Amino acid sequence: MVAGHLRDKGGIYHIVLSYTDENGIRRSASRSTKLPVKGNKKRAEELLRKAEQEMGETLRYRMQAASSGMTIMPNDIRFTDFLRDWLKMMRSSVETVTYVAYEKAIRNKIIPYFDKRHPKLLLRDVTPKHIQDYYTYEMDVCGVSANTVIHRHANIRKALQYAYRTDLIESNPADKVQRPRKERFEVIPYKEAELDALFRAVKGTNLELGVILAAFYGLRRSEVCGLKWSAIDFERKTITIRHTVTQAMVDGKITLIEKDRTKTKSSHRTLPLVKPFEDLLYAIRDKQDANRRICGDCYCKNYKDYVYVNEMGELIKPNYLTQAFPEFLEKNRLRRIRFHDLRHSCASLLYSQGVALKDIQEWLGHSDIATTSNIYTHLDYSSKVASAEAIIGFFPGNGAQRKEPVASKMASKNPESRIIAGEIDHQKF
């Protein structure tokens, strides 16, 4: 608890903060706002509120460290020792998937670099150049992508921000580092004919359900594997995406992480259950019942609530989709794409049929339409063509008559109503 007030000292507002530190000792601190008392009360009060908030965050960091067994360290701690201790603290402070990402970058990449090249570097002596040199090494020597370096930067900055909040360093050197420019990943999704060929090839295989959920419904890998029977409403004809399954390497062991929530709040969405997919689900349920009877006690009962299981009742896991899908494409002489690109293919197909970006955002479960727009900027070209055709009649010297706007033509064949009504080629499933 931080209590603060303003004090008039020589005609200047000073901020006075009273608080109890992580050791239970009552302390106070004072600093000048440099604002004259006359005419600056509101500005001084804003600075006071900000100071109270910053001190509160600092105290929370320190108490968090103490509760996790991490001690507030002396000024002569080595940088890599600090990173190791910070990782220990984060283990109990963030979700497993987040911790795994931190550990993978910091323990396996960042710490080895600094241990080898700057083994005696103290935390207080870390400069922006040390960090910048590391990024240059990763990109120029190791061939790491700019996007990966940006993720590493986020890890380093977060750790050093903790050091700053706990007064181990006077400022965060990572704030002064020039990050590399983010690389835009070029997505070349499947077109309709390629999807049709894929649907036919995958029919009857263990990949069939995953491919349909990703390519038609646009589900993420974690959402595909996390689909439960309770999410299917056969009466109301809906599918609700609300459970996910991911895999992560924790303490050297691959661990399955099941969550009763999606990636973001917007990812929790309800989609229409179309007739061909409903038929497929009934067939899958009947097959699971048959496999359960045939296998008896050998049938795995741990995942009976899940839709996507194999013949023995074992859950089809995310890593299986990542590894098996490209192998399947190569075997069937289909163009190689990532499993996640099926989600992009879904978006492209919707857009080509006239579905607005806002509707695609909701279908895919993006939290912000800017995310949809940034990922699928290549889809905007058709709208630019429509814009050009809309004004071509005004081009100097062009006597052509104006045509019906392309937008109105596209609106007449918006597939959203067709999807909800279940009007889709049954053969593709």
Protein backbone atom coordinates (compact mmCIF):
# COMPACT_ATOMS: atom_id res chain seq x y z
CA MET A 1 0.00 0.00 0.00
CA VAL A 2 1.45 3.34 -1.09
CA ALA A 3 0.17 6.60 0.42
CA GLY A 4 1.27 9.89 -1.07
CA HIS A 5 0.69 13.60 -0.67
CA LEU A 6 1.99 16.91 -2.02
CA ARG A 7 4.13 19.24 0.07
CA ASP A 8 4.86 22.92 -0.51
CA LYS A 9 8.60 23.33 -0.13
CA GLY A 10 9.93 26.77 -1.01
CA GLY A 11 7.05 27.43 -3.38
CA ILE A 12 7.63 24.16 -5.28
CA TYR A 13 5.45 21.06 -5.11
CA HIS A 14 7.21 17.98 -3.71
CA ILE A 15 5.84 14.42 -3.82
CA VAL A 16 6.04 12.50 -0.54
CA LEU A 17 5.41 8.73 -0.64
CA SER A 18 4.97 6.45 2.38
CA TYR A 19 5.07 2.68 1.93
CA THR A 20 6.03 -0.65 3.48
CA ASP A 21 8.86 -2.42 1.66
CA GLU A 22 9.20 -6.14 0.88
CA ASN A 23 10.82 -6.69 4.31
CA GLY A 24 7.91 -5.12 6.20
CA ILE A 25 9.84 -1.94 7.02
CA ARG A 26 7.97 1.37 6.85
CA ARG A 27 9.72 3.85 4.56
CA SER A 28 9.15 7.22 2.92
CA ALA A 29 10.56 8.96 -0.11
CA SER A 30 10.37 12.51 -1.41
CA ARG A 31 11.13 14.17 -4.71
CA SER A 32 10.48 17.49 -6.37
CA THR A 33 7.96 17.93 -9.16
CA LYS A 34 9.79 21.13 -10.20
CA LEU A 35 6.37 22.74 -10.51
CA PRO A 36 5.63 26.07 -8.81
CA VAL A 37 2.76 25.81 -6.36
CA LYS A 38 0.87 28.68 -7.97
CA GLY A 39 -1.35 27.47 -10.83
CA ASN A 40 -0.02 23.88 -10.99
CA LYS A 41 -2.10 21.91 -8.52
CA LYS A 42 -3.76 19.66 -11.11
CA ARG A 43 -0.48 18.87 -12.88
CA ALA A 44 1.18 18.13 -9.54
CA GLU A 45 -1.68 15.82 -8.55
CA GLU A 46 -1.28 13.93 -11.84
CA LEU A 47 2.43 13.46 -11.11
CA LEU A 48 1.55 12.27 -7.62
CA ARG A 49 -0.84 9.63 -8.95
CA LYS A 50 1.79 8.48 -11.45
CA ALA A 51 4.45 8.27 -8.72
CA GLU A 52 2.10 6.24 -6.48
CA GLN A 53 1.39 3.85 -9.36
CA GLU A 54 5.09 3.39 -10.22
CA MET A 55 6.02 2.79 -6.58
CA GLY A 56 3.17 0.29 -6.26
CA GLU A 57 4.41 -1.62 -9.33
CA THR A 58 7.95 -1.63 -7.94
CA LEU A 59 6.77 -3.02 -4.61
CA ARG A 60 4.74 -5.72 -6.36
CA TYR A 61 7.83 -6.75 -8.34
CA ARG A 62 9.88 -6.97 -5.16
CA MET A 63 7.26 -8.92 -3.23
CA GLN A 64 6.80 -11.23 -6.20
CA ALA A 65 10.54 -11.90 -6.18
CA ALA A 66 10.58 -12.55 -2.43
CA SER A 67 7.60 -14.94 -2.59
CA SER A 68 9.23 -16.96 -5.40
CA GLY A 69 12.49 -17.35 -3.52
CA MET A 70 14.41 -14.79 -5.55
CA THR A 71 16.39 -12.37 -3.43
CA ILE A 72 16.97 -8.72 -4.25
CA MET A 73 20.53 -9.00 -5.42
CA PRO A 74 23.59 -6.81 -4.81
CA ASN A 75 24.95 -4.44 -7.43
CA ASP A 76 27.79 -6.76 -8.44
CA ILE A 77 25.61 -9.57 -9.82
CA ARG A 78 26.60 -10.89 -13.23
CA PHE A 79 24.14 -10.27 -16.06
CA THR A 80 23.66 -13.96 -16.90
CA ASP A 81 23.20 -14.89 -13.22
CA PHE A 82 20.47 -12.26 -13.05
CA LEU A 83 18.78 -13.77 -16.13
CA ARG A 84 18.85 -17.24 -14.53
CA ASP A 85 17.29 -15.92 -11.32
CA TRP A 86 14.69 -13.97 -13.29
CA LEU A 87 13.70 -17.14 -15.13
CA LYS A 88 13.20 -18.93 -11.80
CA MET A 89 10.91 -16.17 -10.67
CA MET A 90 8.91 -16.19 -13.92
CA ARG A 91 8.33 -19.94 -13.64
CA SER A 92 5.71 -19.35 -10.95
CA SER A 93 4.50 -16.02 -12.28
CA VAL A 94 3.34 -16.72 -15.84
CA GLU A 95 1.54 -19.47 -17.73
CA THR A 96 3.52 -22.53 -18.75
CA VAL A 97 3.47 -21.73 -22.47
CA THR A 98 4.78 -18.23 -21.81
CA TYR A 99 7.51 -19.51 -19.49
CA VAL A 100 8.59 -22.09 -22.08
CA ALA A 101 9.02 -19.31 -24.65
CA TYR A 102 11.14 -17.31 -22.19
CA GLU A 103 13.26 -20.31 -21.28
CA LYS A 104 13.82 -21.36 -24.88
CA ALA A 105 15.21 -17.96 -25.80
CA ILE A 106 16.98 -16.91 -22.61
CA ARG A 107 18.46 -20.17 -21.30
CA ASN A 108 19.28 -21.71 -24.68
CA LYS A 109 20.36 -18.66 -26.70
CA ILE A 110 20.89 -15.42 -24.80
CA ILE A 111 22.72 -16.73 -21.73
CA PRO A 112 25.18 -18.92 -23.74
CA TYR A 113 26.12 -15.93 -25.90
CA PHE A 114 26.89 -13.61 -22.97
CA ASP A 115 28.57 -16.38 -20.91
CA LYS A 116 30.98 -16.99 -23.79
CA ARG A 117 31.66 -13.42 -24.95
CA HIS A 118 31.09 -11.38 -21.80
CA PRO A 119 31.47 -13.84 -18.88
CA LYS A 120 32.22 -11.12 -16.31
CA LEU A 121 29.66 -8.57 -17.49
CA LEU A 122 27.78 -7.16 -14.51
CA LEU A 123 24.10 -6.34 -14.67
CA ARG A 124 24.76 -2.68 -13.85
CA ASP A 125 27.30 -2.47 -16.71
CA VAL A 126 25.08 -3.76 -19.51
CA THR A 127 24.89 -1.16 -22.28
CA PRO A 128 22.73 -0.82 -25.39
CA LYS A 129 25.81 -1.76 -27.45
CA HIS A 130 26.13 -5.12 -25.66
CA ILE A 131 22.56 -5.93 -26.61
CA GLN A 132 22.87 -4.52 -30.13
CA ASP A 133 26.02 -6.59 -30.74
CA TYR A 134 24.12 -9.70 -29.69
CA TYR A 135 21.35 -9.02 -32.22
CA THR A 136 23.92 -8.43 -34.96
CA TYR A 137 25.66 -11.70 -34.10
CA GLU A 138 22.41 -13.66 -34.23
CA MET A 139 21.44 -12.24 -37.62
CA ASP A 140 24.82 -12.11 -39.35
CA VAL A 141 26.53 -15.20 -37.90
CA CYS A 142 23.68 -17.52 -36.91
CA GLY A 143 21.31 -16.51 -39.70
CA VAL A 144 18.44 -15.83 -37.32
CA SER A 145 15.50 -13.93 -38.80
CA ALA A 146 14.67 -10.37 -37.82
CA ASN A 147 11.34 -11.53 -36.38
CA THR A 148 13.13 -13.98 -34.06
CA VAL A 149 15.51 -11.24 -32.90
CA ILE A 150 12.50 -9.02 -32.15
CA HIS A 151 11.16 -11.77 -29.87
CA ARG A 152 14.55 -12.06 -28.17
CA HIS A 153 14.54 -8.31 -27.67
CA ALA A 154 11.17 -8.54 -25.95
CA ASN A 155 12.59 -11.18 -23.56
CA ILE A 156 15.70 -9.16 -22.71
CA ARG A 157 13.74 -5.96 -22.28
CA LYS A 158 11.22 -7.59 -19.94
CA ALA A 159 13.97 -9.03 -17.74
CA LEU A 160 15.82 -5.74 -17.59
CA GLN A 161 12.60 -3.89 -16.87
CA TYR A 162 12.26 -6.04 -13.77
CA ALA A 163 15.81 -5.01 -12.78
CA TYR A 164 14.86 -1.37 -13.30
CA ARG A 165 11.65 -1.69 -11.27
CA THR A 166 13.54 -3.24 -8.37
CA ASP A 167 16.22 -0.52 -8.45
CA LEU A 168 18.99 -2.88 -9.55
CA ILE A 169 19.74 -0.59 -12.51
CA GLU A 170 19.06 3.10 -13.05
CA SER A 171 17.55 2.68 -16.52
CA ASN A 172 16.68 -0.05 -19.00
CA PRO A 173 19.42 -0.23 -21.69
CA ALA A 174 17.15 -2.28 -23.96
CA ASP A 175 14.97 0.81 -24.44
CA LYS A 176 17.80 2.45 -26.38
CA VAL A 177 18.44 -0.47 -28.73
CA GLN A 178 17.48 -0.28 -32.40
CA ARG A 179 15.36 -3.32 -33.18
CA PRO A 180 15.57 -4.82 -36.67
CA ARG A 181 12.69 -4.14 -39.01
CA LYS A 182 10.00 -6.78 -38.84
CA GLU A 183 9.87 -9.08 -41.86
CA ARG A 184 6.51 -9.58 -43.46
CA PHE A 185 5.80 -13.27 -44.00
CA GLU A 186 4.40 -13.84 -47.46
CA VAL A 187 1.45 -16.21 -47.30
CA ILE A 188 0.62 -18.12 -50.48
CA PRO A 189 -2.59 -19.89 -49.45
CA TYR A 190 -4.34 -22.66 -51.30
CA LYS A 191 -6.82 -21.59 -53.93
CA GLU A 192 -10.22 -23.21 -54.29
CA ALA A 193 -9.06 -25.89 -56.75
CA GLU A 194 -6.12 -26.79 -54.48
CA LEU A 195 -8.41 -27.04 -51.46
CA ASP A 196 -10.75 -29.26 -53.42
CA ALA A 197 -7.87 -31.60 -54.30
CA LEU A 198 -6.71 -31.60 -50.68
CA PHE A 199 -10.18 -32.41 -49.33
CA ARG A 200 -10.44 -35.37 -51.70
CA ALA A 201 -6.96 -36.67 -50.88
CA VAL A 202 -7.34 -36.36 -47.10
CA LYS A 203 -10.74 -38.05 -46.92
CA GLY A 204 -10.73 -41.06 -44.58
CA THR A 205 -7.30 -40.30 -43.07
CA ASN A 206 -6.39 -39.14 -39.55
CA LEU A 207 -5.76 -35.69 -40.99
CA GLU A 208 -9.23 -35.23 -42.46
CA LEU A 209 -10.90 -33.60 -39.46
CA GLY A 210 -7.94 -31.31 -38.79
CA VAL A 211 -7.72 -30.15 -42.39
CA ILE A 212 -11.45 -29.36 -42.59
CA LEU A 213 -11.49 -27.48 -39.29
CA ALA A 214 -8.47 -25.39 -40.34
CA ALA A 215 -9.37 -24.80 -43.99
CA PHE A 216 -13.14 -24.39 -43.76
CA TYR A 217 -13.65 -23.04 -40.23
CA GLY A 218 -10.26 -21.31 -39.98
CA LEU A 219 -9.39 -22.87 -36.62
CA ARG A 220 -5.93 -22.60 -35.11
CA ARG A 221 -3.98 -25.79 -34.44
CA SER A 222 -4.67 -25.54 -30.69
CA GLU A 223 -8.40 -25.05 -31.38
CA VAL A 224 -8.52 -28.03 -33.74
CA CYS A 225 -7.03 -30.38 -31.16
CA GLY A 226 -9.05 -28.82 -28.35
CA LEU A 227 -12.49 -29.31 -29.91
CA LYS A 228 -14.79 -31.17 -27.50
CA TRP A 229 -18.13 -32.85 -28.05
CA SER A 230 -19.69 -30.44 -25.58
CA ALA A 231 -18.84 -27.63 -28.01
CA ILE A 232 -21.10 -29.14 -30.68
CA ASP A 233 -24.79 -28.24 -30.46
CA PHE A 234 -26.55 -30.53 -32.92
CA GLU A 235 -29.95 -29.01 -32.15
CA ARG A 236 -29.00 -25.37 -32.66
CA LYS A 237 -26.48 -26.29 -35.40
CA THR A 238 -23.51 -24.46 -33.85
CA ILE A 239 -19.88 -25.05 -32.95
CA THR A 240 -18.41 -23.06 -30.06
CA ILE A 241 -14.65 -22.56 -29.94
CA ARG A 242 -13.72 -22.27 -26.25
CA HIS A 243 -11.10 -24.93 -25.40
CA THR A 244 -7.50 -25.30 -26.60
CA VAL A 245 -4.73 -27.88 -26.43
CA THR A 246 -1.06 -26.98 -26.90
CA GLN A 247 2.28 -28.76 -26.41
CA ALA A 248 5.42 -27.37 -24.82
CA MET A 249 8.82 -28.62 -23.67
CA VAL A 250 8.87 -28.23 -19.89
CA ASP A 251 11.94 -29.40 -17.95
CA GLY A 252 13.05 -31.44 -20.96
CA LYS A 253 9.70 -33.23 -21.33
CA ILE A 254 6.94 -32.57 -23.86
CA THR A 255 3.85 -31.57 -21.88
CA LEU A 256 0.24 -31.32 -23.01
CA ILE A 257 -1.44 -28.10 -21.88
CA GLU A 258 -5.24 -28.07 -21.87
CA LYS A 259 -7.09 -24.79 -21.30
CA ASP A 260 -10.77 -23.98 -20.98
CA ARG A 261 -10.19 -20.72 -22.82
CA THR A 262 -8.92 -19.55 -26.17
CA LYS A 263 -5.93 -17.46 -27.25
CA THR A 264 -7.84 -14.20 -26.79
CA LYS A 265 -11.33 -13.21 -25.68
CA SER A 266 -12.34 -12.71 -29.33
CA SER A 267 -11.13 -16.21 -30.18
CA HIS A 268 -14.05 -17.56 -28.13
CA ARG A 269 -16.59 -17.67 -30.94
CA THR A 270 -19.60 -19.60 -32.18
CA LEU A 271 -19.76 -20.78 -35.80
CA PRO A 272 -22.57 -22.42 -37.80
CA LEU A 273 -22.60 -26.21 -38.04
CA VAL A 274 -23.06 -26.84 -41.76
CA LYS A 275 -24.77 -30.03 -42.95
CA PRO A 276 -21.74 -31.82 -44.51
CA PHE A 277 -19.65 -31.22 -41.41
CA GLU A 278 -22.53 -32.31 -39.18
CA ASP A 279 -22.68 -35.58 -41.13
CA LEU A 280 -18.92 -36.01 -40.70
CA LEU A 281 -19.21 -35.49 -36.95
CA TYR A 282 -21.96 -38.11 -36.67
CA ALA A 283 -19.74 -40.56 -38.57
CA ILE A 284 -16.78 -39.77 -36.29
CA ARG A 285 -18.90 -40.31 -33.18
CA ASP A 286 -20.20 -43.65 -34.46
CA LYS A 287 -16.64 -44.72 -35.30
CA GLN A 288 -15.42 -43.79 -31.82
CA ASP A 289 -18.22 -45.83 -30.24
CA ALA A 290 -17.27 -48.80 -32.42
CA ASN A 291 -13.55 -48.47 -31.60
CA ARG A 292 -14.38 -48.28 -27.89
CA ARG A 293 -16.32 -51.56 -28.08
CA ILE A 294 -13.67 -53.32 -30.16
CA CYS A 295 -10.66 -52.21 -28.09
CA GLY A 296 -12.30 -52.68 -24.70
CA ASP A 297 -9.91 -51.95 -21.83
CA CYS A 298 -7.13 -51.04 -24.29
CA TYR A 299 -9.07 -48.00 -25.45
CA CYS A 300 -7.74 -44.74 -23.95
CA LYS A 301 -10.41 -43.11 -21.81
CA ASN A 302 -8.45 -39.97 -20.93
CA TYR A 303 -9.77 -38.05 -23.93
CA LYS A 304 -13.33 -39.32 -24.24
CA ASP A 305 -14.61 -35.72 -24.24
CA TYR A 306 -12.54 -34.79 -27.30
CA VAL A 307 -13.62 -35.04 -30.92
CA TYR A 308 -10.17 -35.46 -32.50
CA VAL A 309 -8.83 -38.82 -31.31
CA ASN A 310 -7.32 -41.81 -33.11
CA GLU A 311 -8.53 -45.43 -33.28
CA MET A 312 -7.21 -46.13 -29.76
CA GLY A 313 -8.85 -43.06 -28.24
CA GLU A 314 -5.59 -41.13 -27.95
CA LEU A 315 -5.76 -37.41 -28.63
CA ILE A 316 -4.43 -36.16 -31.97
CA LYS A 317 -1.82 -33.70 -30.74
CA PRO A 318 -0.73 -30.35 -32.23
CA ASN A 319 2.80 -31.53 -33.03
CA TYR A 320 1.36 -34.42 -35.05
CA LEU A 321 -0.47 -31.98 -37.31
CA THR A 322 2.65 -29.89 -37.81
CA GLN A 323 4.79 -32.89 -38.74
CA ALA A 324 2.34 -35.14 -40.57
CA PHE A 325 0.67 -32.49 -42.75
CA PRO A 326 3.68 -31.54 -44.94
CA GLU A 327 4.58 -35.21 -45.29
CA PHE A 328 1.05 -35.93 -46.48
CA LEU A 329 1.25 -33.12 -49.05
CA GLU A 330 4.53 -34.41 -50.43
CA LYS A 331 3.25 -37.96 -50.62
CA ASN A 332 0.15 -36.83 -52.55
CA ARG A 333 2.11 -34.37 -54.75
CA LEU A 334 0.28 -31.34 -53.44
CA ARG A 335 1.90 -27.93 -53.07
CA ARG A 336 3.73 -27.65 -49.77
CA ILE A 337 2.27 -25.22 -47.24
CA ARG A 338 2.23 -25.09 -43.45
CA PHE A 339 -0.76 -26.45 -41.55
CA HIS A 340 -1.43 -22.91 -40.29
CA ASP A 341 -1.65 -21.74 -43.91
CA LEU A 342 -4.96 -23.60 -44.16
CA ARG A 343 -6.33 -20.89 -41.87
CA HIS A 344 -4.99 -18.30 -44.31
CA SER A 345 -6.59 -20.24 -47.15
CA CYS A 346 -9.92 -20.01 -45.36
CA ALA A 347 -9.57 -16.23 -45.10
CA SER A 348 -8.60 -15.89 -48.77
CA LEU A 349 -11.54 -18.00 -49.88
CA LEU A 350 -13.98 -15.93 -47.81
CA TYR A 351 -12.57 -12.66 -49.13
CA SER A 352 -12.63 -13.80 -52.75
CA GLN A 353 -16.33 -14.54 -52.33
CA GLY A 354 -17.05 -11.00 -51.13
CA VAL A 355 -17.03 -11.43 -47.34
CA ALA A 356 -15.96 -8.20 -45.63
CA LEU A 357 -12.79 -8.06 -43.52
CA LYS A 358 -14.88 -7.37 -40.41
CA ASP A 359 -16.79 -10.63 -40.94
CA ILE A 360 -13.55 -12.51 -41.63
CA GLN A 361 -12.15 -11.10 -38.38
CA GLU A 362 -15.07 -12.54 -36.43
CA TRP A 363 -14.94 -15.87 -38.28
CA LEU A 364 -11.23 -16.32 -37.51
CA GLY A 365 -11.46 -14.95 -33.97
CA HIS A 366 -9.04 -12.04 -34.29
CA SER A 367 -9.23 -9.54 -31.42
CA ASP A 368 -8.67 -6.56 -33.69
CA ILE A 369 -9.60 -5.95 -37.33
CA ALA A 370 -6.13 -4.42 -37.75
CA THR A 371 -4.71 -7.91 -37.17
CA THR A 372 -6.87 -9.30 -39.96
CA SER A 373 -5.98 -6.42 -42.25
CA ASN A 374 -2.22 -6.68 -41.56
CA ILE A 375 -2.09 -10.45 -42.11
CA TYR A 376 -4.23 -10.42 -45.21
CA THR A 377 -3.09 -7.21 -46.91
CA HIS A 378 -2.64 -9.21 -50.12
CA LEU A 379 -6.42 -9.66 -50.19
CA ASP A 380 -6.99 -5.93 -50.63
CA TYR A 381 -5.94 -5.93 -54.28
CA SER A 382 -9.40 -6.86 -55.54
CA SER A 383 -10.85 -3.90 -53.65
CA LYS A 384 -8.31 -1.64 -55.36
CA VAL A 385 -9.46 -2.99 -58.73
CA ALA A 386 -13.04 -2.23 -57.71
CA SER A 387 -12.02 1.31 -56.81
CA ALA A 388 -10.30 1.77 -60.15
CA GLU A 389 -13.33 0.54 -62.09
CA ALA A 390 -15.61 2.80 -60.07
CA ILE A 391 -13.85 5.96 -61.22
CA ILE A 392 -12.49 4.93 -64.63
CA GLY A 393 -15.36 6.77 -66.34
CA PHE A 394 -13.88 10.04 -65.11
CA PHE A 395 -10.44 9.34 -66.61
CA PRO A 396 -9.52 12.15 -69.06
CA GLY A 397 -10.52 11.24 -72.58
CA ASN A 398 -12.27 8.01 -71.54
CA GLY A 399 -15.72 7.99 -73.08
CA ALA A 400 -16.66 4.59 -71.70
CA GLN A 401 -19.94 4.35 -69.84
CA ARG A 402 -19.86 3.76 -66.13
CA LYS A 403 -20.29 0.17 -65.08
CA GLU A 404 -22.17 -1.25 -62.16
CA PRO A 405 -19.86 -0.98 -59.11
CA VAL A 406 -17.95 -4.17 -58.44
CA ALA A 407 -18.79 -3.87 -54.73
CA SER A 408 -22.51 -4.25 -55.43
CA LYS A 409 -21.85 -7.28 -57.59
CA MET A 410 -19.76 -8.88 -54.85
CA ALA A 411 -22.35 -8.13 -52.19
CA SER A 412 -24.94 -10.10 -54.11
CA LYS A 413 -22.87 -13.25 -53.78
CA ASN A 414 -21.72 -12.85 -50.19
CA PRO A 415 -21.07 -16.44 -49.07
CA GLU A 416 -21.80 -15.88 -45.40
CA SER A 417 -25.48 -16.64 -45.87
CA ARG A 418 -24.56 -19.62 -48.03
CA ILE A 419 -22.23 -20.92 -45.30
CA ILE A 420 -24.84 -20.55 -42.57
CA ALA A 421 -27.48 -22.19 -44.72
CA GLY A 422 -25.15 -25.11 -45.34
CA GLU A 423 -25.00 -24.60 -49.10
CA ILE A 424 -21.63 -26.12 -49.80
CA ASP A 425 -20.36 -28.86 -52.04
CA HIS A 426 -20.74 -32.09 -50.03
CA GLN A 427 -18.14 -33.78 -52.20
CA LYS A 428 -15.41 -31.58 -50.74
CA PHE A 429 -15.86 -33.28 -47.41
